[in-house]
Protein backbone atom coordinates (compact mmCIF):
# COMPACT_ATOMS: atom_id res chain seq x y z
CA UNK A 1 0.00 0.00 0.00
CA UNK A 2 1.48 3.39 -0.95
CA UNK A 3 2.21 5.91 1.79
CA UNK A 4 0.68 9.36 1.87
CA UNK A 5 2.97 12.00 0.37
CA UNK A 6 2.30 15.67 1.09
CA UNK A 7 3.64 18.12 -1.47
CA UNK A 8 4.50 21.21 0.54
CA UNK A 9 4.17 24.68 -0.98
CA UNK A 10 7.34 26.40 -2.13
CA UNK A 11 6.62 29.50 -0.03
CA UNK A 12 5.97 29.56 3.71
CA UNK A 13 4.57 32.39 5.81
CA UNK A 14 7.16 34.63 7.42
CA UNK A 15 6.38 33.27 10.88
CA UNK A 16 8.03 30.47 12.79
CA UNK A 17 6.27 28.79 15.69
CA UNK A 18 8.25 26.87 18.31
CA UNK A 19 6.47 24.39 20.54
CA UNK A 20 8.30 22.35 23.18
CA UNK A 21 7.40 18.69 23.58
CA UNK A 22 5.87 18.16 27.03
CA UNK A 23 6.08 14.97 29.05
CA UNK A 24 2.31 14.59 28.57
CA UNK A 25 2.91 14.38 24.78
CA UNK A 26 4.91 11.16 25.22
CA UNK A 27 3.21 7.79 24.72
CA UNK A 28 4.11 4.26 25.80
CA UNK A 29 6.58 4.04 22.89
CA UNK A 30 8.59 6.80 24.62
CA UNK A 31 8.01 9.28 21.79
CA UNK A 32 5.36 11.87 20.84
CA UNK A 33 2.05 10.13 20.23
CA UNK A 34 0.11 10.74 17.02
CA UNK A 35 -2.71 12.38 18.98
CA UNK A 36 -0.24 14.77 20.59
CA UNK A 37 1.30 15.62 17.22
CA UNK A 38 -2.17 16.59 15.94
CA UNK A 39 -2.58 18.75 19.07
CA UNK A 40 0.78 20.43 18.34
CA UNK A 41 -0.42 21.18 14.79
CA UNK A 42 -3.61 22.65 16.24
CA UNK A 43 -1.58 24.82 18.64
CA UNK A 44 0.57 26.05 15.74
CA UNK A 45 -2.56 27.08 13.83
CA UNK A 46 -3.89 28.91 16.89
CA UNK A 47 -0.61 30.80 17.32
CA UNK A 48 -0.57 31.61 13.60
CA UNK A 49 -4.07 33.11 13.88
CA UNK A 50 -3.19 34.96 17.11
CA UNK A 51 -0.20 36.51 15.34
CA UNK A 52 -2.74 38.32 13.14
CA UNK A 53 -5.15 39.13 15.98
CA UNK A 54 -7.61 36.29 15.23
CA UNK A 55 -8.89 33.15 16.94
CA UNK A 56 -10.53 30.11 15.37
CA UNK A 57 -13.86 31.43 16.63
CA UNK A 58 -13.42 35.04 15.55
CA UNK A 59 -11.94 36.14 12.25
CA UNK A 60 -13.97 39.27 11.56
CA UNK A 61 -16.89 37.52 13.29
CA UNK A 62 -16.42 34.24 11.41
CA UNK A 63 -15.16 30.96 12.86
CA UNK A 64 -13.28 28.01 11.40
CA UNK A 65 -13.96 24.29 11.28
CA UNK A 66 -11.32 21.76 10.27
CA UNK A 67 -12.81 19.56 7.56
CA UNK A 68 -9.78 17.30 7.17
CA UNK A 69 -6.24 16.67 8.31
CA UNK A 70 -3.48 14.62 6.74
CA UNK A 71 -0.27 13.87 8.61
CA UNK A 72 2.81 12.35 7.03
CA UNK A 73 4.87 11.04 9.95
CA UNK A 74 8.60 11.11 9.19
CA UNK A 75 10.57 10.67 12.44
CA UNK A 76 10.06 10.28 16.14
CA UNK A 77 10.02 13.27 18.44
CA UNK A 78 10.99 13.07 22.10
CA UNK A 79 10.53 14.86 25.41
CA UNK A 80 12.30 18.25 25.44
CA UNK A 81 12.49 18.52 21.64
CA UNK A 82 11.56 21.98 20.45
CA UNK A 83 9.42 21.56 17.36
CA UNK A 84 9.80 24.39 14.86
CA UNK A 85 6.68 24.66 12.71
CA UNK A 86 6.68 26.44 9.38
CA UNK A 87 3.31 27.04 7.76
CA UNK A 88 2.22 27.79 4.22
CA UNK A 89 -1.00 27.92 2.31
CA UNK A 90 -2.42 25.71 -0.38
CA UNK A 91 -5.63 26.10 -2.33
CA UNK A 92 -8.13 28.79 -1.40
CA UNK A 93 -11.81 28.63 -2.33
CA UNK A 94 -14.73 30.91 -1.60
CA UNK A 95 -15.35 29.24 1.77
CA UNK A 96 -12.20 27.29 2.65
CA UNK A 97 -8.42 27.17 2.53
CA UNK A 98 -5.60 24.70 3.01
CA UNK A 99 -2.77 25.15 5.49
CA UNK A 100 0.44 23.15 5.24
CA UNK A 101 2.80 22.47 8.14
CA UNK A 102 6.43 21.33 8.27
CA UNK A 103 7.50 20.18 11.74
CA UNK A 104 11.25 20.10 12.37
CA UNK A 105 13.49 19.72 15.39
CA UNK A 106 17.23 20.09 15.87
CA UNK A 107 18.86 17.20 17.69
CA UNK A 108 22.64 16.66 17.95
CA UNK A 109 23.13 19.62 15.57
CA UNK A 110 21.06 17.83 12.93
CA UNK A 111 17.77 19.05 11.44
CA UNK A 112 15.19 16.28 11.68
CA UNK A 113 11.85 16.43 9.90
CA UNK A 114 9.24 15.13 12.34
CA UNK A 115 6.20 15.41 10.08
CA UNK A 116 4.47 17.21 7.26
CA UNK A 117 0.78 17.94 7.53
CA UNK A 118 -2.14 19.60 5.77
CA UNK A 119 -5.45 20.84 7.14
CA UNK A 120 -8.44 22.16 5.25
CA UNK A 121 -10.22 24.90 7.16
CA UNK A 122 -13.81 25.89 6.37
CA UNK A 123 -15.26 29.28 7.31
CA UNK A 124 -18.33 28.88 9.48
CA UNK A 125 -20.80 31.18 11.17
CA UNK A 126 -21.52 29.49 14.50
CA UNK A 127 -24.55 31.71 15.17
CA UNK A 128 -26.20 30.98 11.83
CA UNK A 129 -24.87 27.39 11.81
CA UNK A 130 -23.76 27.58 8.20
CA UNK A 131 -20.70 27.75 5.96
CA UNK A 132 -19.83 31.31 4.89
CA UNK A 133 -17.35 33.16 2.69
CA UNK A 134 -13.70 33.58 3.62
CA UNK A 135 -13.22 36.92 5.46
CA UNK A 136 -11.34 39.47 3.33
CA UNK A 137 -8.65 40.21 5.94
CA UNK A 138 -7.82 36.51 6.22
CA UNK A 139 -7.84 36.12 2.45
CA UNK A 140 -5.36 39.01 2.16
CA UNK A 141 -3.04 37.33 4.70
CA UNK A 142 -3.22 34.00 2.93
CA UNK A 143 -2.57 35.47 -0.52
CA UNK A 144 0.28 37.82 0.53
C-alpha atoms as a PDB file:
ATOM      1  CA  UNK A   1       0.000   0.000   0.000  1.00  0.00           C
ATOM      2  CA  UNK A   2       1.483   3.392  -0.952  1.00  0.00           C
ATOM      3  CA  UNK A   3       2.212   5.909   1.791  1.00  0.00           C
ATOM      4  CA  UNK A   4       0.681   9.364   1.874  1.00  0.00           C
ATOM      5  CA  UNK A   5       2.966  11.999   0.368  1.00  0.00           C
ATOM      6  CA  UNK A   6       2.302  15.665   1.089  1.00  0.00           C
ATOM      7  CA  UNK A   7       3.645  18.117  -1.473  1.00  0.00           C
ATOM      8  CA  UNK A   8       4.504  21.208   0.541  1.00  0.00           C
ATOM      9  CA  UNK A   9       4.169  24.680  -0.976  1.00  0.00           C
ATOM     10  CA  UNK A  10       7.338  26.402  -2.133  1.00  0.00           C
ATOM     11  CA  UNK A  11       6.620  29.498  -0.027  1.00  0.00           C
ATOM     12  CA  UNK A  12       5.973  29.557   3.715  1.00  0.00           C
ATOM     13  CA  UNK A  13       4.569  32.389   5.810  1.00  0.00           C
ATOM     14  CA  UNK A  14       7.156  34.632   7.416  1.00  0.00           C
ATOM     15  CA  UNK A  15       6.382  33.271  10.877  1.00  0.00           C
ATOM     16  CA  UNK A  16       8.033  30.471  12.794  1.00  0.00           C
ATOM     17  CA  UNK A  17       6.274  28.789  15.687  1.00  0.00           C
ATOM     18  CA  UNK A  18       8.251  26.873  18.308  1.00  0.00           C
ATOM     19  CA  UNK A  19       6.470  24.394  20.537  1.00  0.00           C
ATOM     20  CA  UNK A  20       8.297  22.346  23.182  1.00  0.00           C
ATOM     21  CA  UNK A  21       7.399  18.691  23.584  1.00  0.00           C
ATOM     22  CA  UNK A  22       5.873  18.161  27.026  1.00  0.00           C
ATOM     23  CA  UNK A  23       6.077  14.973  29.054  1.00  0.00           C
ATOM     24  CA  UNK A  24       2.308  14.586  28.570  1.00  0.00           C
ATOM     25  CA  UNK A  25       2.908  14.381  24.782  1.00  0.00           C
ATOM     26  CA  UNK A  26       4.909  11.159  25.219  1.00  0.00           C
ATOM     27  CA  UNK A  27       3.209   7.789  24.717  1.00  0.00           C
ATOM     28  CA  UNK A  28       4.107   4.262  25.796  1.00  0.00           C
ATOM     29  CA  UNK A  29       6.585   4.039  22.889  1.00  0.00           C
ATOM     30  CA  UNK A  30       8.586   6.802  24.619  1.00  0.00           C
ATOM     31  CA  UNK A  31       8.012   9.283  21.788  1.00  0.00           C
ATOM     32  CA  UNK A  32       5.362  11.865  20.841  1.00  0.00           C
ATOM     33  CA  UNK A  33       2.046  10.129  20.225  1.00  0.00           C
ATOM     34  CA  UNK A  34       0.113  10.736  17.020  1.00  0.00           C
ATOM     35  CA  UNK A  35      -2.712  12.380  18.978  1.00  0.00           C
ATOM     36  CA  UNK A  36      -0.241  14.772  20.593  1.00  0.00           C
ATOM     37  CA  UNK A  37       1.303  15.619  17.223  1.00  0.00           C
ATOM     38  CA  UNK A  38      -2.167  16.586  15.944  1.00  0.00           C
ATOM     39  CA  UNK A  39      -2.583  18.748  19.072  1.00  0.00           C
ATOM     40  CA  UNK A  40       0.777  20.429  18.341  1.00  0.00           C
ATOM     41  CA  UNK A  41      -0.418  21.180  14.795  1.00  0.00           C
ATOM     42  CA  UNK A  42      -3.610  22.651  16.237  1.00  0.00           C
ATOM     43  CA  UNK A  43      -1.579  24.824  18.638  1.00  0.00           C
ATOM     44  CA  UNK A  44       0.572  26.052  15.742  1.00  0.00           C
ATOM     45  CA  UNK A  45      -2.559  27.080  13.831  1.00  0.00           C
ATOM     46  CA  UNK A  46      -3.890  28.907  16.894  1.00  0.00           C
ATOM     47  CA  UNK A  47      -0.606  30.796  17.322  1.00  0.00           C
ATOM     48  CA  UNK A  48      -0.573  31.615  13.603  1.00  0.00           C
ATOM     49  CA  UNK A  49      -4.072  33.109  13.879  1.00  0.00           C
ATOM     50  CA  UNK A  50      -3.194  34.959  17.107  1.00  0.00           C
ATOM     51  CA  UNK A  51      -0.198  36.508  15.341  1.00  0.00           C
ATOM     52  CA  UNK A  52      -2.739  38.322  13.137  1.00  0.00           C
ATOM     53  CA  UNK A  53      -5.150  39.128  15.983  1.00  0.00           C
ATOM     54  CA  UNK A  54      -7.607  36.290  15.230  1.00  0.00           C
ATOM     55  CA  UNK A  55      -8.888  33.153  16.938  1.00  0.00           C
ATOM     56  CA  UNK A  56     -10.529  30.107  15.369  1.00  0.00           C
ATOM     57  CA  UNK A  57     -13.863  31.430  16.631  1.00  0.00           C
ATOM     58  CA  UNK A  58     -13.422  35.045  15.554  1.00  0.00           C
ATOM     59  CA  UNK A  59     -11.941  36.137  12.253  1.00  0.00           C
ATOM     60  CA  UNK A  60     -13.967  39.269  11.561  1.00  0.00           C
ATOM     61  CA  UNK A  61     -16.892  37.516  13.293  1.00  0.00           C
ATOM     62  CA  UNK A  62     -16.416  34.238  11.414  1.00  0.00           C
ATOM     63  CA  UNK A  63     -15.160  30.959  12.858  1.00  0.00           C
ATOM     64  CA  UNK A  64     -13.276  28.015  11.404  1.00  0.00           C
ATOM     65  CA  UNK A  65     -13.956  24.290  11.282  1.00  0.00           C
ATOM     66  CA  UNK A  66     -11.322  21.764  10.265  1.00  0.00           C
ATOM     67  CA  UNK A  67     -12.809  19.563   7.555  1.00  0.00           C
ATOM     68  CA  UNK A  68      -9.782  17.299   7.173  1.00  0.00           C
ATOM     69  CA  UNK A  69      -6.241  16.668   8.309  1.00  0.00           C
ATOM     70  CA  UNK A  70      -3.482  14.620   6.738  1.00  0.00           C
ATOM     71  CA  UNK A  71      -0.271  13.868   8.609  1.00  0.00           C
ATOM     72  CA  UNK A  72       2.808  12.351   7.033  1.00  0.00           C
ATOM     73  CA  UNK A  73       4.871  11.040   9.949  1.00  0.00           C
ATOM     74  CA  UNK A  74       8.604  11.114   9.186  1.00  0.00           C
ATOM     75  CA  UNK A  75      10.569  10.667  12.439  1.00  0.00           C
ATOM     76  CA  UNK A  76      10.055  10.283  16.144  1.00  0.00           C
ATOM     77  CA  UNK A  77      10.022  13.273  18.440  1.00  0.00           C
ATOM     78  CA  UNK A  78      10.992  13.074  22.097  1.00  0.00           C
ATOM     79  CA  UNK A  79      10.527  14.861  25.408  1.00  0.00           C
ATOM     80  CA  UNK A  80      12.298  18.254  25.443  1.00  0.00           C
ATOM     81  CA  UNK A  81      12.490  18.516  21.645  1.00  0.00           C
ATOM     82  CA  UNK A  82      11.560  21.979  20.446  1.00  0.00           C
ATOM     83  CA  UNK A  83       9.420  21.563  17.357  1.00  0.00           C
ATOM     84  CA  UNK A  84       9.800  24.394  14.863  1.00  0.00           C
ATOM     85  CA  UNK A  85       6.684  24.657  12.705  1.00  0.00           C
ATOM     86  CA  UNK A  86       6.676  26.438   9.383  1.00  0.00           C
ATOM     87  CA  UNK A  87       3.309  27.040   7.757  1.00  0.00           C
ATOM     88  CA  UNK A  88       2.216  27.792   4.219  1.00  0.00           C
ATOM     89  CA  UNK A  89      -1.005  27.917   2.312  1.00  0.00           C
ATOM     90  CA  UNK A  90      -2.419  25.715  -0.377  1.00  0.00           C
ATOM     91  CA  UNK A  91      -5.633  26.102  -2.328  1.00  0.00           C
ATOM     92  CA  UNK A  92      -8.131  28.793  -1.404  1.00  0.00           C
ATOM     93  CA  UNK A  93     -11.815  28.625  -2.331  1.00  0.00           C
ATOM     94  CA  UNK A  94     -14.732  30.915  -1.604  1.00  0.00           C
ATOM     95  CA  UNK A  95     -15.350  29.243   1.775  1.00  0.00           C
ATOM     96  CA  UNK A  96     -12.204  27.289   2.652  1.00  0.00           C
ATOM     97  CA  UNK A  97      -8.425  27.169   2.525  1.00  0.00           C
ATOM     98  CA  UNK A  98      -5.598  24.696   3.007  1.00  0.00           C
ATOM     99  CA  UNK A  99      -2.767  25.147   5.493  1.00  0.00           C
ATOM    100  CA  UNK A 100       0.439  23.147   5.245  1.00  0.00           C
ATOM    101  CA  UNK A 101       2.800  22.466   8.140  1.00  0.00           C
ATOM    102  CA  UNK A 102       6.430  21.328   8.272  1.00  0.00           C
ATOM    103  CA  UNK A 103       7.501  20.184  11.744  1.00  0.00           C
ATOM    104  CA  UNK A 104      11.245  20.096  12.366  1.00  0.00           C
ATOM    105  CA  UNK A 105      13.495  19.720  15.392  1.00  0.00           C
ATOM    106  CA  UNK A 106      17.232  20.091  15.874  1.00  0.00           C
ATOM    107  CA  UNK A 107      18.861  17.201  17.687  1.00  0.00           C
ATOM    108  CA  UNK A 108      22.636  16.664  17.954  1.00  0.00           C
ATOM    109  CA  UNK A 109      23.128  19.617  15.569  1.00  0.00           C
ATOM    110  CA  UNK A 110      21.064  17.831  12.928  1.00  0.00           C
ATOM    111  CA  UNK A 111      17.765  19.049  11.440  1.00  0.00           C
ATOM    112  CA  UNK A 112      15.188  16.275  11.679  1.00  0.00           C
ATOM    113  CA  UNK A 113      11.847  16.430   9.898  1.00  0.00           C
ATOM    114  CA  UNK A 114       9.243  15.128  12.340  1.00  0.00           C
ATOM    115  CA  UNK A 115       6.202  15.414  10.084  1.00  0.00           C
ATOM    116  CA  UNK A 116       4.468  17.211   7.256  1.00  0.00           C
ATOM    117  CA  UNK A 117       0.776  17.942   7.532  1.00  0.00           C
ATOM    118  CA  UNK A 118      -2.144  19.598   5.773  1.00  0.00           C
ATOM    119  CA  UNK A 119      -5.447  20.842   7.139  1.00  0.00           C
ATOM    120  CA  UNK A 120      -8.436  22.155   5.254  1.00  0.00           C
ATOM    121  CA  UNK A 121     -10.222  24.897   7.157  1.00  0.00           C
ATOM    122  CA  UNK A 122     -13.808  25.887   6.369  1.00  0.00           C
ATOM    123  CA  UNK A 123     -15.261  29.279   7.314  1.00  0.00           C
ATOM    124  CA  UNK A 124     -18.326  28.876   9.480  1.00  0.00           C
ATOM    125  CA  UNK A 125     -20.796  31.183  11.172  1.00  0.00           C
ATOM    126  CA  UNK A 126     -21.523  29.494  14.496  1.00  0.00           C
ATOM    127  CA  UNK A 127     -24.552  31.715  15.171  1.00  0.00           C
ATOM    128  CA  UNK A 128     -26.195  30.978  11.825  1.00  0.00           C
ATOM    129  CA  UNK A 129     -24.867  27.388  11.808  1.00  0.00           C
ATOM    130  CA  UNK A 130     -23.755  27.581   8.198  1.00  0.00           C
ATOM    131  CA  UNK A 131     -20.703  27.754   5.962  1.00  0.00           C
ATOM    132  CA  UNK A 132     -19.832  31.313   4.891  1.00  0.00           C
ATOM    133  CA  UNK A 133     -17.350  33.159   2.687  1.00  0.00           C
ATOM    134  CA  UNK A 134     -13.703  33.582   3.621  1.00  0.00           C
ATOM    135  CA  UNK A 135     -13.218  36.917   5.461  1.00  0.00           C
ATOM    136  CA  UNK A 136     -11.341  39.467   3.327  1.00  0.00           C
ATOM    137  CA  UNK A 137      -8.651  40.211   5.938  1.00  0.00           C
ATOM    138  CA  UNK A 138      -7.816  36.512   6.219  1.00  0.00           C
ATOM    139  CA  UNK A 139      -7.841  36.120   2.446  1.00  0.00           C
ATOM    140  CA  UNK A 140      -5.361  39.015   2.158  1.00  0.00           C
ATOM    141  CA  UNK A 141      -3.038  37.335   4.697  1.00  0.00           C
ATOM    142  CA  UNK A 142      -3.220  34.003   2.927  1.00  0.00           C
ATOM    143  CA  UNK A 143      -2.567  35.468  -0.519  1.00  0.00           C
ATOM    144  CA  UNK A 144       0.283  37.816   0.529  1.00  0.00           C
END
